[in-house]
Amino acid sequence: MPAKDEPARRRHEKLVDRLEGLMRASLKPRYRGYHGQLILSSGDLEEMGELKDVRRAAREAGRRLGWQPKTHVVDARLFVYDDREVPREISELTARDATDAIDAQLRGRE
């Protein structure tokens, strides 16, 4: 990058670091790094800068975490998620967790 783009490069790196931290915080240790996701509201996006720059930074942050990051914009929200194939034991664990959560909600209504 030319020297005049140094401030832009630093802003990009800072944004990547921030997004990586948010993504890392969304991970559940028991899923061993799988099922990562991050949803940024329109307010978050406005604060972070241009959508194309945030998407680029989010993909880079995801790759740092070992993800196959995908991004989608829906109703002014940016969805970032890990699109890797999930190992069977992790899929089974998440299915059990989801079932347990639904059962707990249903028991709470009785």
N, C-alpha and C. Protein backbone atom coordinates (compact mmCIF):
# COMPACT_ATOMS: atom_id res chain seq x y z
N MET A 1 0.83 -1.18 0.00
CA MET A 1 0.00 0.00 0.00
C MET A 1 0.88 1.25 0.00
N PRO A 2 0.55 2.24 -0.77
CA PRO A 2 1.31 3.48 -0.74
C PRO A 2 1.22 4.13 0.64
N ALA A 3 2.24 4.95 0.97
CA ALA A 3 2.30 5.58 2.29
C ALA A 3 1.05 6.40 2.60
N LYS A 4 0.46 7.04 1.59
CA LYS A 4 -0.72 7.87 1.84
C LYS A 4 -1.93 7.05 2.29
N ASP A 5 -1.90 5.73 2.04
CA ASP A 5 -3.00 4.86 2.46
C ASP A 5 -2.77 4.24 3.83
N GLU A 6 -1.71 4.63 4.50
CA GLU A 6 -1.39 4.07 5.82
C GLU A 6 -2.53 4.30 6.82
N PRO A 7 -3.12 5.49 6.92
CA PRO A 7 -4.25 5.64 7.86
C PRO A 7 -5.42 4.72 7.51
N ALA A 8 -5.69 4.52 6.24
CA ALA A 8 -6.78 3.62 5.83
C ALA A 8 -6.45 2.18 6.22
N ARG A 9 -5.21 1.80 6.05
CA ARG A 9 -4.80 0.44 6.42
C ARG A 9 -4.95 0.24 7.93
N ARG A 10 -4.56 1.23 8.71
CA ARG A 10 -4.69 1.12 10.17
C ARG A 10 -6.15 1.05 10.60
N ARG A 11 -7.01 1.85 9.96
CA ARG A 11 -8.46 1.79 10.27
C ARG A 11 -9.01 0.40 9.95
N HIS A 12 -8.58 -0.14 8.80
CA HIS A 12 -9.04 -1.48 8.40
C HIS A 12 -8.60 -2.52 9.43
N GLU A 13 -7.33 -2.49 9.82
CA GLU A 13 -6.82 -3.46 10.80
C GLU A 13 -7.55 -3.34 12.14
N LYS A 14 -7.82 -2.11 12.55
CA LYS A 14 -8.55 -1.89 13.80
C LYS A 14 -9.96 -2.47 13.71
N LEU A 15 -10.61 -2.29 12.57
CA LEU A 15 -11.95 -2.83 12.36
C LEU A 15 -11.92 -4.36 12.34
N VAL A 16 -10.92 -4.93 11.67
CA VAL A 16 -10.78 -6.40 11.65
C VAL A 16 -10.61 -6.92 13.07
N ASP A 17 -9.75 -6.27 13.85
CA ASP A 17 -9.53 -6.70 15.24
C ASP A 17 -10.82 -6.63 16.06
N ARG A 18 -11.56 -5.54 15.87
CA ARG A 18 -12.82 -5.36 16.62
C ARG A 18 -13.83 -6.45 16.24
N LEU A 19 -13.98 -6.71 14.94
CA LEU A 19 -14.92 -7.72 14.49
C LEU A 19 -14.48 -9.12 14.93
N GLU A 20 -13.19 -9.37 14.89
CA GLU A 20 -12.70 -10.67 15.35
C GLU A 20 -13.06 -10.89 16.82
N GLY A 21 -12.90 -9.85 17.62
CA GLY A 21 -13.27 -9.96 19.04
C GLY A 21 -14.75 -10.26 19.23
N LEU A 22 -15.59 -9.59 18.46
CA LEU A 22 -17.03 -9.84 18.54
C LEU A 22 -17.37 -11.26 18.09
N MET A 23 -16.72 -11.70 17.02
CA MET A 23 -16.97 -13.06 16.52
C MET A 23 -16.50 -14.10 17.53
N ARG A 24 -15.33 -13.88 18.08
CA ARG A 24 -14.78 -14.83 19.06
C ARG A 24 -15.72 -14.92 20.27
N ALA A 25 -16.27 -13.79 20.69
CA ALA A 25 -17.17 -13.77 21.84
C ALA A 25 -18.47 -14.53 21.56
N SER A 26 -18.83 -14.66 20.29
CA SER A 26 -20.07 -15.36 19.94
C SER A 26 -19.91 -16.88 19.95
N LEU A 27 -18.68 -17.34 20.01
CA LEU A 27 -18.43 -18.78 19.94
C LEU A 27 -18.66 -19.47 21.28
N LYS A 28 -19.24 -20.65 21.23
CA LYS A 28 -19.41 -21.46 22.42
C LYS A 28 -18.27 -22.48 22.44
N PRO A 29 -17.48 -22.51 23.50
CA PRO A 29 -16.33 -23.42 23.54
C PRO A 29 -16.70 -24.88 23.25
N ARG A 30 -17.86 -25.30 23.69
CA ARG A 30 -18.23 -26.71 23.48
C ARG A 30 -18.46 -27.05 22.02
N TYR A 31 -18.60 -26.03 21.15
CA TYR A 31 -18.77 -26.29 19.72
C TYR A 31 -17.45 -26.21 18.97
N ARG A 32 -16.35 -26.09 19.71
CA ARG A 32 -14.98 -26.12 19.17
C ARG A 32 -14.77 -25.20 17.97
N GLY A 33 -15.32 -24.00 18.04
CA GLY A 33 -15.09 -23.01 16.99
C GLY A 33 -16.08 -23.05 15.85
N TYR A 34 -16.99 -24.01 15.85
CA TYR A 34 -18.00 -24.10 14.79
C TYR A 34 -19.25 -23.33 15.19
N HIS A 35 -20.10 -23.09 14.23
CA HIS A 35 -21.38 -22.39 14.41
C HIS A 35 -21.19 -20.93 14.81
N GLY A 36 -20.11 -20.33 14.33
CA GLY A 36 -19.88 -18.92 14.62
C GLY A 36 -20.80 -18.04 13.79
N GLN A 37 -21.23 -16.95 14.39
CA GLN A 37 -22.06 -15.99 13.69
C GLN A 37 -21.99 -14.64 14.38
N LEU A 38 -22.28 -13.62 13.61
CA LEU A 38 -22.33 -12.27 14.13
C LEU A 38 -23.39 -11.52 13.34
N ILE A 39 -24.23 -10.78 14.04
CA ILE A 39 -25.25 -9.97 13.39
C ILE A 39 -25.02 -8.52 13.80
N LEU A 40 -24.80 -7.67 12.82
CA LEU A 40 -24.58 -6.25 13.07
C LEU A 40 -25.80 -5.47 12.64
N SER A 41 -26.31 -4.64 13.52
CA SER A 41 -27.49 -3.81 13.23
C SER A 41 -27.10 -2.66 12.32
N SER A 42 -28.10 -1.96 11.83
CA SER A 42 -27.84 -0.79 11.00
C SER A 42 -27.04 0.25 11.78
N GLY A 43 -27.30 0.38 13.07
CA GLY A 43 -26.55 1.31 13.91
C GLY A 43 -25.09 0.91 14.04
N ASP A 44 -24.85 -0.39 14.22
CA ASP A 44 -23.47 -0.88 14.27
C ASP A 44 -22.75 -0.56 12.96
N LEU A 45 -23.43 -0.83 11.86
CA LEU A 45 -22.82 -0.61 10.54
C LEU A 45 -22.53 0.86 10.32
N GLU A 46 -23.44 1.70 10.71
CA GLU A 46 -23.26 3.14 10.55
C GLU A 46 -22.01 3.61 11.30
N GLU A 47 -21.84 3.07 12.49
CA GLU A 47 -20.70 3.44 13.33
C GLU A 47 -19.38 2.92 12.76
N MET A 48 -19.42 1.77 12.09
CA MET A 48 -18.19 1.12 11.63
C MET A 48 -17.70 1.61 10.27
N GLY A 49 -18.56 2.21 9.50
CA GLY A 49 -18.11 2.73 8.21
C GLY A 49 -18.88 2.18 7.03
N GLU A 50 -18.27 2.26 5.87
CA GLU A 50 -18.90 1.81 4.61
C GLU A 50 -19.18 0.31 4.67
N LEU A 51 -20.34 -0.08 4.20
CA LEU A 51 -20.75 -1.49 4.21
C LEU A 51 -19.71 -2.37 3.54
N LYS A 52 -19.22 -1.97 2.37
CA LYS A 52 -18.24 -2.81 1.65
C LYS A 52 -16.98 -3.01 2.48
N ASP A 53 -16.57 -1.99 3.23
CA ASP A 53 -15.38 -2.10 4.07
C ASP A 53 -15.63 -3.00 5.27
N VAL A 54 -16.82 -2.90 5.86
CA VAL A 54 -17.16 -3.74 7.01
C VAL A 54 -17.25 -5.20 6.57
N ARG A 55 -17.85 -5.45 5.40
CA ARG A 55 -17.95 -6.82 4.90
C ARG A 55 -16.56 -7.41 4.67
N ARG A 56 -15.70 -6.62 4.05
CA ARG A 56 -14.34 -7.08 3.77
C ARG A 56 -13.60 -7.39 5.08
N ALA A 57 -13.73 -6.50 6.06
CA ALA A 57 -13.09 -6.70 7.35
C ALA A 57 -13.67 -7.92 8.07
N ALA A 58 -14.98 -8.12 7.97
CA ALA A 58 -15.63 -9.26 8.62
C ALA A 58 -15.14 -10.57 8.01
N ARG A 59 -14.99 -10.60 6.71
CA ARG A 59 -14.49 -11.83 6.07
C ARG A 59 -13.05 -12.11 6.52
N GLU A 60 -12.24 -11.07 6.61
CA GLU A 60 -10.86 -11.26 7.06
C GLU A 60 -10.83 -11.73 8.52
N ALA A 61 -11.65 -11.12 9.36
CA ALA A 61 -11.71 -11.53 10.77
C ALA A 61 -12.15 -12.99 10.88
N GLY A 62 -13.13 -13.37 10.10
CA GLY A 62 -13.59 -14.76 10.12
C GLY A 62 -12.50 -15.73 9.70
N ARG A 63 -11.75 -15.38 8.67
CA ARG A 63 -10.65 -16.25 8.24
C ARG A 63 -9.60 -16.40 9.34
N ARG A 64 -9.36 -15.34 10.10
CA ARG A 64 -8.42 -15.43 11.22
C ARG A 64 -8.86 -16.48 12.23
N LEU A 65 -10.18 -16.66 12.36
CA LEU A 65 -10.73 -17.63 13.31
C LEU A 65 -10.86 -19.03 12.70
N GLY A 66 -10.45 -19.18 11.46
CA GLY A 66 -10.55 -20.47 10.80
C GLY A 66 -11.88 -20.72 10.14
N TRP A 67 -12.72 -19.70 10.08
CA TRP A 67 -14.03 -19.83 9.44
C TRP A 67 -13.91 -19.79 7.93
N GLN A 68 -14.96 -20.22 7.28
CA GLN A 68 -15.22 -19.92 5.87
C GLN A 68 -16.31 -18.87 5.94
N PRO A 69 -15.92 -17.61 6.09
CA PRO A 69 -16.92 -16.58 6.37
C PRO A 69 -17.78 -16.22 5.16
N LYS A 70 -19.05 -16.05 5.42
CA LYS A 70 -20.01 -15.58 4.43
C LYS A 70 -20.71 -14.38 5.04
N THR A 71 -21.08 -13.43 4.18
CA THR A 71 -21.80 -12.25 4.65
C THR A 71 -23.05 -12.05 3.80
N HIS A 72 -24.10 -11.61 4.47
CA HIS A 72 -25.36 -11.29 3.79
C HIS A 72 -25.97 -10.07 4.47
N VAL A 73 -26.56 -9.20 3.67
CA VAL A 73 -27.27 -8.05 4.20
C VAL A 73 -28.76 -8.31 4.05
N VAL A 74 -29.48 -8.17 5.17
CA VAL A 74 -30.92 -8.36 5.18
C VAL A 74 -31.52 -7.25 6.06
N ASP A 75 -32.41 -6.47 5.47
CA ASP A 75 -33.09 -5.40 6.22
C ASP A 75 -32.11 -4.53 7.01
N ALA A 76 -31.07 -4.07 6.36
CA ALA A 76 -30.07 -3.16 6.95
C ALA A 76 -29.26 -3.80 8.07
N ARG A 77 -29.25 -5.11 8.14
CA ARG A 77 -28.41 -5.83 9.09
C ARG A 77 -27.39 -6.65 8.30
N LEU A 78 -26.20 -6.76 8.85
CA LEU A 78 -25.17 -7.59 8.23
C LEU A 78 -25.04 -8.87 9.02
N PHE A 79 -25.25 -9.98 8.34
CA PHE A 79 -25.09 -11.30 8.94
C PHE A 79 -23.74 -11.85 8.48
N VAL A 80 -22.93 -12.28 9.43
CA VAL A 80 -21.65 -12.90 9.14
C VAL A 80 -21.69 -14.26 9.80
N TYR A 81 -21.38 -15.31 9.04
CA TYR A 81 -21.42 -16.64 9.62
C TYR A 81 -20.36 -17.54 9.02
N ASP A 82 -20.08 -18.60 9.74
CA ASP A 82 -19.10 -19.60 9.35
C ASP A 82 -19.81 -20.65 8.51
N ASP A 83 -19.36 -20.82 7.28
CA ASP A 83 -20.03 -21.73 6.34
C ASP A 83 -19.29 -23.07 6.19
N ARG A 84 -18.41 -23.38 7.14
CA ARG A 84 -17.70 -24.67 7.06
C ARG A 84 -18.66 -25.82 7.32
N GLU A 85 -18.32 -26.97 6.79
CA GLU A 85 -19.07 -28.18 7.11
C GLU A 85 -18.78 -28.52 8.57
N VAL A 86 -19.83 -28.78 9.32
CA VAL A 86 -19.70 -29.03 10.76
C VAL A 86 -19.55 -30.53 10.99
N PRO A 87 -18.57 -30.94 11.82
CA PRO A 87 -18.43 -32.36 12.13
C PRO A 87 -19.70 -32.91 12.77
N ARG A 88 -19.94 -34.16 12.51
CA ARG A 88 -21.16 -34.81 12.98
C ARG A 88 -21.37 -34.67 14.49
N GLU A 89 -20.32 -34.87 15.28
CA GLU A 89 -20.50 -34.81 16.75
C GLU A 89 -20.89 -33.41 17.21
N ILE A 90 -20.43 -32.39 16.51
CA ILE A 90 -20.81 -31.01 16.86
C ILE A 90 -22.26 -30.76 16.44
N SER A 91 -22.64 -31.26 15.27
CA SER A 91 -24.04 -31.12 14.82
C SER A 91 -25.00 -31.80 15.79
N GLU A 92 -24.63 -32.98 16.25
CA GLU A 92 -25.48 -33.70 17.19
C GLU A 92 -25.58 -32.94 18.52
N LEU A 93 -24.46 -32.38 18.96
CA LEU A 93 -24.45 -31.61 20.20
C LEU A 93 -25.34 -30.37 20.08
N THR A 94 -25.23 -29.65 18.97
CA THR A 94 -26.06 -28.44 18.81
C THR A 94 -27.54 -28.81 18.70
N ALA A 95 -27.84 -29.94 18.07
CA ALA A 95 -29.24 -30.38 17.98
C ALA A 95 -29.79 -30.69 19.36
N ARG A 96 -28.98 -31.36 20.19
CA ARG A 96 -29.42 -31.67 21.57
C ARG A 96 -29.62 -30.38 22.36
N ASP A 97 -28.69 -29.45 22.21
CA ASP A 97 -28.82 -28.18 22.92
C ASP A 97 -30.08 -27.43 22.51
N ALA A 98 -30.37 -27.43 21.22
CA ALA A 98 -31.58 -26.75 20.72
C ALA A 98 -32.83 -27.43 21.27
N THR A 99 -32.85 -28.74 21.27
CA THR A 99 -33.99 -29.49 21.80
C THR A 99 -34.17 -29.20 23.29
N ASP A 100 -33.07 -29.18 24.01
CA ASP A 100 -33.14 -28.89 25.45
C ASP A 100 -33.69 -27.48 25.70
N ALA A 101 -33.26 -26.52 24.89
CA ALA A 101 -33.72 -25.13 25.05
C ALA A 101 -35.22 -25.02 24.78
N ILE A 102 -35.68 -25.71 23.75
CA ILE A 102 -37.11 -25.69 23.42
C ILE A 102 -37.91 -26.37 24.52
N ASP A 103 -37.42 -27.51 25.00
CA ASP A 103 -38.10 -28.22 26.09
C ASP A 103 -38.20 -27.33 27.33
N ALA A 104 -37.12 -26.63 27.65
CA ALA A 104 -37.12 -25.75 28.82
C ALA A 104 -38.15 -24.64 28.66
N GLN A 105 -38.27 -24.08 27.47
CA GLN A 105 -39.27 -23.03 27.22
C GLN A 105 -40.68 -23.59 27.36
N LEU A 106 -40.90 -24.76 26.81
CA LEU A 106 -42.23 -25.37 26.90
C LEU A 106 -42.59 -25.71 28.33
N ARG A 107 -41.62 -26.20 29.10
CA ARG A 107 -41.88 -26.52 30.52
C ARG A 107 -42.21 -25.26 31.30
N GLY A 108 -41.60 -24.14 30.91
CA GLY A 108 -41.84 -22.87 31.59
C GLY A 108 -43.23 -22.34 31.36
N ARG A 109 -43.89 -22.79 30.32
CA ARG A 109 -45.26 -22.33 30.00
C ARG A 109 -46.34 -23.13 30.72
N GLU A 110 -45.95 -24.25 31.27
CA GLU A 110 -46.96 -25.12 31.92
C GLU A 110 -47.39 -24.58 33.25
